[in-house]
Amino acid sequence: MSFEEQMKKSKENKNTPKKAIDTLMPQEQETPTTNKQETNNDFLSIRREKTIDTHTRHTFLIRKDLLERLNKLSEVEGRGFMKDFIDNATLDFLQKYEDEILNRNK
């Protein structure tokens, strides 16, 4: 999958508030629940995976001109763009060059 396709897919998979609510709320209930405590426990037991559960913070240096360009794109695309961009750019690079680099010194 190309970098452009990965960014498009990532953008399409964004959770909107409606999508988040839909994933938490069952579409059809077989039997109505009358116990309020039971309903609250069911709702609290469903936990959405958070970014901090799947990602690690890392500090690195980036050229000022590249960061400026990336910030401009991020302002247009909105929240989460920079994380998705870095993830997809890194994945794209690794898929293309990982084997070559690892096998270079063998």
C-alpha atoms as a PDB file:
ATOM      1  CA  MET A   1       0.000   0.000   0.000  1.00  0.00           C
ATOM      2  CA  SER A   2       1.449   3.361  -0.980  1.00  0.00           C
ATOM      3  CA  PHE A   3       2.009   6.204   1.463  1.00  0.00           C
ATOM      4  CA  GLU A   4      -0.838   8.178  -0.116  1.00  0.00           C
ATOM      5  CA  GLU A   5      -3.230   5.237   0.230  1.00  0.00           C
ATOM      6  CA  GLN A   6      -2.190   4.742   3.865  1.00  0.00           C
ATOM      7  CA  MET A   7      -2.850   8.409   4.676  1.00  0.00           C
ATOM      8  CA  LYS A   8      -6.246   8.264   2.943  1.00  0.00           C
ATOM      9  CA  LYS A   9      -7.171   5.062   4.797  1.00  0.00           C
ATOM     10  CA  SER A  10      -6.036   6.574   8.085  1.00  0.00           C
ATOM     11  CA  LYS A  11      -8.161   9.667   7.460  1.00  0.00           C
ATOM     12  CA  GLU A  12     -11.198   7.531   6.597  1.00  0.00           C
ATOM     13  CA  ASN A  13     -10.812   5.493   9.796  1.00  0.00           C
ATOM     14  CA  LYS A  14     -10.972   8.507  12.089  1.00  0.00           C
ATOM     15  CA  ASN A  15     -13.420   8.033  14.927  1.00  0.00           C
ATOM     16  CA  THR A  16     -16.079  10.679  14.857  1.00  0.00           C
ATOM     17  CA  PRO A  17     -18.116  11.222  18.014  1.00  0.00           C
ATOM     18  CA  LYS A  18     -21.016   9.358  16.378  1.00  0.00           C
ATOM     19  CA  LYS A  19     -18.786   6.392  15.502  1.00  0.00           C
ATOM     20  CA  ALA A  20     -17.387   6.331  19.030  1.00  0.00           C
ATOM     21  CA  ILE A  21     -20.883   6.332  20.525  1.00  0.00           C
ATOM     22  CA  ASP A  22     -22.074   3.674  18.080  1.00  0.00           C
ATOM     23  CA  THR A  23     -19.229   1.367  19.105  1.00  0.00           C
ATOM     24  CA  LEU A  24     -20.107   1.779  22.773  1.00  0.00           C
ATOM     25  CA  MET A  25     -23.869   1.436  22.473  1.00  0.00           C
ATOM     26  CA  PRO A  26     -25.355  -1.886  21.364  1.00  0.00           C
ATOM     27  CA  GLN A  27     -27.520  -1.566  18.258  1.00  0.00           C
ATOM     28  CA  GLU A  28     -30.174  -4.014  19.461  1.00  0.00           C
ATOM     29  CA  GLN A  29     -30.809  -5.311  22.922  1.00  0.00           C
ATOM     30  CA  GLU A  30     -32.309  -8.766  23.178  1.00  0.00           C
ATOM     31  CA  THR A  31     -33.737  -8.159  26.634  1.00  0.00           C
ATOM     32  CA  PRO A  32     -34.201  -4.755  28.197  1.00  0.00           C
ATOM     33  CA  THR A  33     -32.152  -4.232  31.329  1.00  0.00           C
ATOM     34  CA  THR A  34     -34.016  -2.918  34.316  1.00  0.00           C
ATOM     35  CA  ASN A  35     -31.141  -2.838  36.763  1.00  0.00           C
ATOM     36  CA  LYS A  36     -29.457   0.571  36.485  1.00  0.00           C
ATOM     37  CA  GLN A  37     -26.237  -0.631  38.163  1.00  0.00           C
ATOM     38  CA  GLU A  38     -25.945  -3.506  35.667  1.00  0.00           C
ATOM     39  CA  THR A  39     -26.314  -1.086  32.742  1.00  0.00           C
ATOM     40  CA  ASN A  40     -23.598   1.209  34.120  1.00  0.00           C
ATOM     41  CA  ASN A  41     -21.201  -1.710  34.620  1.00  0.00           C
ATOM     42  CA  ASP A  42     -21.742  -2.903  31.035  1.00  0.00           C
ATOM     43  CA  PHE A  43     -21.071   0.568  29.670  1.00  0.00           C
ATOM     44  CA  LEU A  44     -17.914   1.035  31.757  1.00  0.00           C
ATOM     45  CA  SER A  45     -16.531  -2.392  30.871  1.00  0.00           C
ATOM     46  CA  ILE A  46     -16.265  -1.420  27.176  1.00  0.00           C
ATOM     47  CA  ARG A  47     -12.956   0.411  26.848  1.00  0.00           C
ATOM     48  CA  ARG A  48     -11.757   2.058  23.664  1.00  0.00           C
ATOM     49  CA  GLU A  49      -8.097   1.476  22.901  1.00  0.00           C
ATOM     50  CA  LYS A  50      -6.188   4.693  23.521  1.00  0.00           C
ATOM     51  CA  THR A  51      -3.252   5.976  21.505  1.00  0.00           C
ATOM     52  CA  ILE A  52      -1.006   5.767  24.559  1.00  0.00           C
ATOM     53  CA  ASP A  53      -1.723   1.998  24.629  1.00  0.00           C
ATOM     54  CA  THR A  54      -0.419   1.491  21.080  1.00  0.00           C
ATOM     55  CA  HIS A  55       2.220   4.221  20.701  1.00  0.00           C
ATOM     56  CA  THR A  56       5.390   5.333  22.516  1.00  0.00           C
ATOM     57  CA  ARG A  57       6.653   8.857  22.946  1.00  0.00           C
ATOM     58  CA  HIS A  58      10.073   9.461  21.415  1.00  0.00           C
ATOM     59  CA  THR A  59      12.099  12.621  20.993  1.00  0.00           C
ATOM     60  CA  PHE A  60      14.038  13.209  17.790  1.00  0.00           C
ATOM     61  CA  LEU A  61      15.510  16.071  15.802  1.00  0.00           C
ATOM     62  CA  ILE A  62      13.974  17.194  12.532  1.00  0.00           C
ATOM     63  CA  ARG A  63      15.124  19.915  10.154  1.00  0.00           C
ATOM     64  CA  LYS A  64      13.363  23.216  10.834  1.00  0.00           C
ATOM     65  CA  ASP A  65      12.199  23.633   7.232  1.00  0.00           C
ATOM     66  CA  LEU A  66      10.663  20.149   7.172  1.00  0.00           C
ATOM     67  CA  LEU A  67       8.881  20.684  10.478  1.00  0.00           C
ATOM     68  CA  GLU A  68       7.504  23.993   9.228  1.00  0.00           C
ATOM     69  CA  ARG A  69       6.060  22.267   6.153  1.00  0.00           C
ATOM     70  CA  LEU A  70       4.658  19.457   8.277  1.00  0.00           C
ATOM     71  CA  ASN A  71       3.060  21.951  10.678  1.00  0.00           C
ATOM     72  CA  LYS A  72       1.328  23.717   7.766  1.00  0.00           C
ATOM     73  CA  LEU A  73      -0.166  20.418   6.613  1.00  0.00           C
ATOM     74  CA  SER A  74      -1.170  19.576  10.169  1.00  0.00           C
ATOM     75  CA  GLU A  75      -3.043  22.871  10.520  1.00  0.00           C
ATOM     76  CA  VAL A  76      -5.094  22.024   7.431  1.00  0.00           C
ATOM     77  CA  GLU A  77      -5.688  18.342   8.224  1.00  0.00           C
ATOM     78  CA  GLY A  78      -6.360  18.732  11.932  1.00  0.00           C
ATOM     79  CA  ARG A  79      -5.852  16.673  15.035  1.00  0.00           C
ATOM     80  CA  GLY A  80      -3.981  13.386  14.682  1.00  0.00           C
ATOM     81  CA  PHE A  81      -2.480  14.197  11.288  1.00  0.00           C
ATOM     82  CA  MET A  82       1.114  14.465  12.454  1.00  0.00           C
ATOM     83  CA  LYS A  83       0.977  11.117  14.315  1.00  0.00           C
ATOM     84  CA  ASP A  84      -0.570   9.421  11.289  1.00  0.00           C
ATOM     85  CA  PHE A  85       1.945  11.053   8.965  1.00  0.00           C
ATOM     86  CA  ILE A  86       4.945   9.920  11.026  1.00  0.00           C
ATOM     87  CA  ASP A  87       3.500   6.400  11.413  1.00  0.00           C
ATOM     88  CA  ASN A  88       2.818   6.043   7.681  1.00  0.00           C
ATOM     89  CA  ALA A  89       6.104   7.601   6.556  1.00  0.00           C
ATOM     90  CA  THR A  90       8.054   5.336   8.913  1.00  0.00           C
ATOM     91  CA  LEU A  91       6.107   2.251   7.821  1.00  0.00           C
ATOM     92  CA  ASP A  92       6.609   3.116   4.147  1.00  0.00           C
ATOM     93  CA  PHE A  93      10.368   3.562   4.627  1.00  0.00           C
ATOM     94  CA  LEU A  94      10.691   0.340   6.650  1.00  0.00           C
ATOM     95  CA  GLN A  95       8.774  -1.676   4.056  1.00  0.00           C
ATOM     96  CA  LYS A  96      11.012  -0.387   1.276  1.00  0.00           C
ATOM     97  CA  TYR A  97      14.454  -0.430   2.911  1.00  0.00           C
ATOM     98  CA  GLU A  98      14.484  -2.562   6.074  1.00  0.00           C
ATOM     99  CA  ASP A  99      15.692  -5.801   4.461  1.00  0.00           C
ATOM    100  CA  GLU A 100      18.269  -3.990   2.340  1.00  0.00           C
ATOM    101  CA  ILE A 101      19.755  -2.176   5.317  1.00  0.00           C
ATOM    102  CA  LEU A 102      19.753  -5.230   7.612  1.00  0.00           C
ATOM    103  CA  ASN A 103      21.352  -7.466   4.959  1.00  0.00           C
ATOM    104  CA  ARG A 104      23.959  -4.893   3.899  1.00  0.00           C
ATOM    105  CA  ASN A 105      26.532  -5.978   6.488  1.00  0.00           C
ATOM    106  CA  LYS A 106      26.109  -9.750   6.097  1.00  0.00           C
END
